Amino acid sequence: MAEQALTEKIKRWTLVLGVAQITFGCLIGFIPPPAIQWYRGIVMAHIEFAANGVMMIAFGFLVTEMRLGRSALLAWFVLLNLGTWTNGGAGLAAALLGSSSKLMPSLNQLFPPPNGTDHAFVTGLLLVCGVTILAALFLTLFGLLRPKKSGARGATL
């Protein structure tokens, strides 16, 4: 019973935070170009927050299908949120700082930021994003592929 209540709570908060992330991404789209140092960073943040919010909503509906223990489920929730929010956060930081990361070579080549292409904070956010989203994806796959805990034998894929 306690695990089911936790699963429902995590599902609800994943859905709420996914919609909040989309909303935040849309609001960022209203920032006028003269208000920031690098407009492409705002475009990146707008797109990433919206796309990652949609991903969070989809994953919110998967929570009830995953078979993860309490600790793994909480870790999944933290990793998913940290990864998705740092993704858009990197774009927002780049826009405000006017500097991007070497991890975005195509963007830097097409739209060079005024203050350089090697800001440690932006790079750090992108690295955290990559590691945490991948970890959340692996936990999602593990949780979806794990057999149900039932007394019946042969309850595998």
Protein backbone atom coordinates (compact mmCIF):
# COMPACT_ATOMS: atom_id res chain seq x y z
CA MET A 1 0.00 0.00 0.00
CA ALA A 2 2.76 2.44 0.93
CA GLU A 3 4.61 1.77 -2.35
CA GLN A 4 1.44 2.35 -4.37
CA ALA A 5 0.82 5.66 -2.56
CA LEU A 6 4.39 6.74 -3.28
CA THR A 7 4.01 5.76 -6.93
CA GLU A 8 0.82 7.83 -7.24
CA LYS A 9 2.46 10.80 -5.51
CA ILE A 10 5.51 10.62 -7.81
CA LYS A 11 3.24 10.29 -10.83
CA ARG A 12 1.30 13.39 -9.86
CA TRP A 13 4.41 15.47 -9.16
CA THR A 14 6.07 14.33 -12.38
CA LEU A 15 3.00 15.45 -14.32
CA VAL A 16 2.75 18.76 -12.44
CA LEU A 17 6.45 19.54 -12.87
CA GLY A 18 6.29 18.56 -16.55
CA VAL A 19 3.48 21.03 -17.17
CA ALA A 20 5.34 23.65 -15.09
CA GLN A 21 8.43 23.11 -17.22
CA ILE A 22 6.48 23.60 -20.45
CA THR A 23 4.89 26.73 -18.98
CA PHE A 24 8.30 28.08 -17.93
CA GLY A 25 9.66 27.38 -21.42
CA CYS A 26 6.78 29.26 -23.00
CA LEU A 27 7.24 32.22 -20.65
CA ILE A 28 10.94 32.37 -21.56
CA GLY A 29 9.85 32.84 -25.16
CA PHE A 30 8.52 36.28 -24.20
CA ILE A 31 11.95 37.60 -23.17
CA PRO A 32 12.88 40.30 -25.69
CA PRO A 33 16.26 39.96 -27.43
CA PRO A 34 17.69 43.22 -26.07
CA ALA A 35 17.11 42.01 -22.49
CA ILE A 36 19.78 39.31 -22.68
CA GLN A 37 23.31 38.91 -24.01
CA TRP A 38 22.82 35.97 -26.38
CA TYR A 39 19.38 35.46 -27.88
CA ARG A 40 20.15 31.96 -29.19
CA GLY A 41 20.47 30.81 -25.59
CA ILE A 42 16.88 31.91 -24.96
CA VAL A 43 15.73 30.03 -28.04
CA MET A 44 17.56 26.94 -26.78
CA ALA A 45 16.06 27.28 -23.29
CA HIS A 46 12.57 27.78 -24.71
CA ILE A 47 12.82 24.65 -26.86
CA GLU A 48 14.53 22.48 -24.23
CA PHE A 49 12.17 23.37 -21.39
CA ALA A 50 9.14 22.70 -23.60
CA ALA A 51 10.49 19.41 -25.02
CA ASN A 52 11.70 18.14 -21.66
CA GLY A 53 8.38 19.06 -20.06
CA VAL A 54 6.60 16.92 -22.65
CA MET A 55 9.04 14.08 -21.89
CA MET A 56 8.33 14.42 -18.17
CA ILE A 57 4.59 14.22 -18.79
CA ALA A 58 5.03 11.07 -20.86
CA PHE A 59 7.24 9.57 -18.16
CA GLY A 60 4.68 10.55 -15.54
CA PHE A 61 2.24 8.18 -17.20
CA LEU A 62 4.89 5.44 -17.24
CA VAL A 63 5.46 5.57 -13.47
CA THR A 64 2.61 3.17 -12.73
CA GLU A 65 4.04 0.70 -15.26
CA MET A 66 7.53 0.69 -13.78
CA ARG A 67 8.51 -1.84 -11.16
CA LEU A 68 11.05 -0.01 -9.05
CA GLY A 69 11.57 -0.17 -5.31
CA ARG A 70 11.08 2.89 -3.14
CA SER A 71 14.71 4.09 -3.29
CA ALA A 72 15.04 3.49 -7.03
CA LEU A 73 11.76 5.31 -7.70
CA LEU A 74 12.85 8.32 -5.65
CA ALA A 75 16.23 8.31 -7.40
CA TRP A 76 14.43 8.14 -10.77
CA PHE A 77 12.29 11.14 -9.87
CA VAL A 78 15.26 13.23 -8.73
CA LEU A 79 17.41 12.26 -11.73
CA LEU A 80 14.62 12.98 -14.22
CA ASN A 81 13.91 16.39 -12.73
CA LEU A 82 17.55 17.37 -12.37
CA GLY A 83 18.30 16.32 -15.93
CA THR A 84 15.36 18.00 -17.61
CA TRP A 85 15.62 21.27 -15.70
CA THR A 86 19.40 21.59 -16.18
CA ASN A 87 18.97 21.10 -19.92
CA GLY A 88 16.88 24.24 -20.37
CA GLY A 89 18.84 25.89 -17.57
CA ALA A 90 22.02 25.63 -19.65
CA GLY A 91 20.36 27.63 -22.44
CA LEU A 92 19.05 30.21 -20.00
CA ALA A 93 22.49 30.56 -18.36
CA ALA A 94 24.14 30.90 -21.78
CA ALA A 95 21.66 33.62 -22.75
CA LEU A 96 22.26 35.60 -19.57
CA LEU A 97 26.04 35.12 -19.57
CA GLY A 98 26.45 35.63 -23.32
CA SER A 99 28.68 32.57 -23.40
CA SER A 100 28.00 28.97 -24.33
CA SER A 101 29.81 25.65 -24.16
CA LYS A 102 32.13 23.68 -26.42
CA LEU A 103 29.50 20.95 -26.12
CA MET A 104 27.35 22.96 -28.57
CA PRO A 105 29.66 23.28 -31.61
CA SER A 106 26.96 23.58 -34.28
CA LEU A 107 25.11 26.28 -32.38
CA ASN A 108 28.35 28.16 -31.66
CA GLN A 109 29.38 28.04 -35.30
CA LEU A 110 26.05 29.31 -36.63
CA PHE A 111 25.38 31.80 -33.82
CA PRO A 112 28.62 32.74 -32.03
CA PRO A 113 27.96 34.00 -28.50
CA PRO A 114 29.48 37.42 -27.71
CA ASN A 115 31.45 36.28 -24.64
CA GLY A 116 32.91 33.02 -25.92
CA THR A 117 32.12 29.36 -26.29
CA ASP A 118 33.68 27.82 -23.20
CA HIS A 119 31.84 28.84 -20.05
CA ALA A 120 32.36 26.31 -17.24
CA PHE A 121 28.91 26.87 -15.72
CA VAL A 122 27.05 26.22 -19.00
CA THR A 123 29.22 23.18 -19.70
CA GLY A 124 28.63 21.91 -16.15
CA LEU A 125 24.87 22.18 -16.54
CA LEU A 126 25.00 20.27 -19.83
CA LEU A 127 27.15 17.53 -18.29
CA VAL A 128 24.80 17.17 -15.32
CA CYS A 129 21.89 17.08 -17.76
CA GLY A 130 23.41 14.33 -19.87
CA VAL A 131 24.39 12.09 -16.98
CA THR A 132 21.15 12.46 -15.03
CA ILE A 133 18.80 12.05 -17.98
CA LEU A 134 20.66 8.93 -19.11
CA ALA A 135 20.51 7.50 -15.59
CA ALA A 136 16.77 8.24 -15.45
CA LEU A 137 16.30 6.57 -18.84
CA PHE A 138 18.19 3.45 -17.71
CA LEU A 139 16.08 3.28 -14.52
CA THR A 140 12.96 3.69 -16.64
CA LEU A 141 13.95 0.81 -18.90
CA PHE A 142 14.91 -1.32 -15.92
CA GLY A 143 11.60 -0.57 -14.22
CA LEU A 144 9.59 -1.34 -17.34
CA LEU A 145 11.43 -4.58 -18.12
CA ARG A 146 11.50 -5.91 -14.57
CA PRO A 147 9.00 -8.73 -14.02
CA LYS A 148 6.05 -8.29 -11.71
CA LYS A 149 6.40 -9.51 -8.15
CA SER A 150 3.81 -12.24 -8.13
CA GLY A 151 3.56 -15.70 -6.69
CA ALA A 152 2.99 -17.16 -10.15
CA ARG A 153 6.00 -18.56 -11.96
CA GLY A 154 6.82 -17.43 -15.46
CA ALA A 155 5.74 -13.81 -14.89
CA THR A 156 8.57 -12.54 -17.07
CA LEU A 157 8.65 -11.06 -20.52
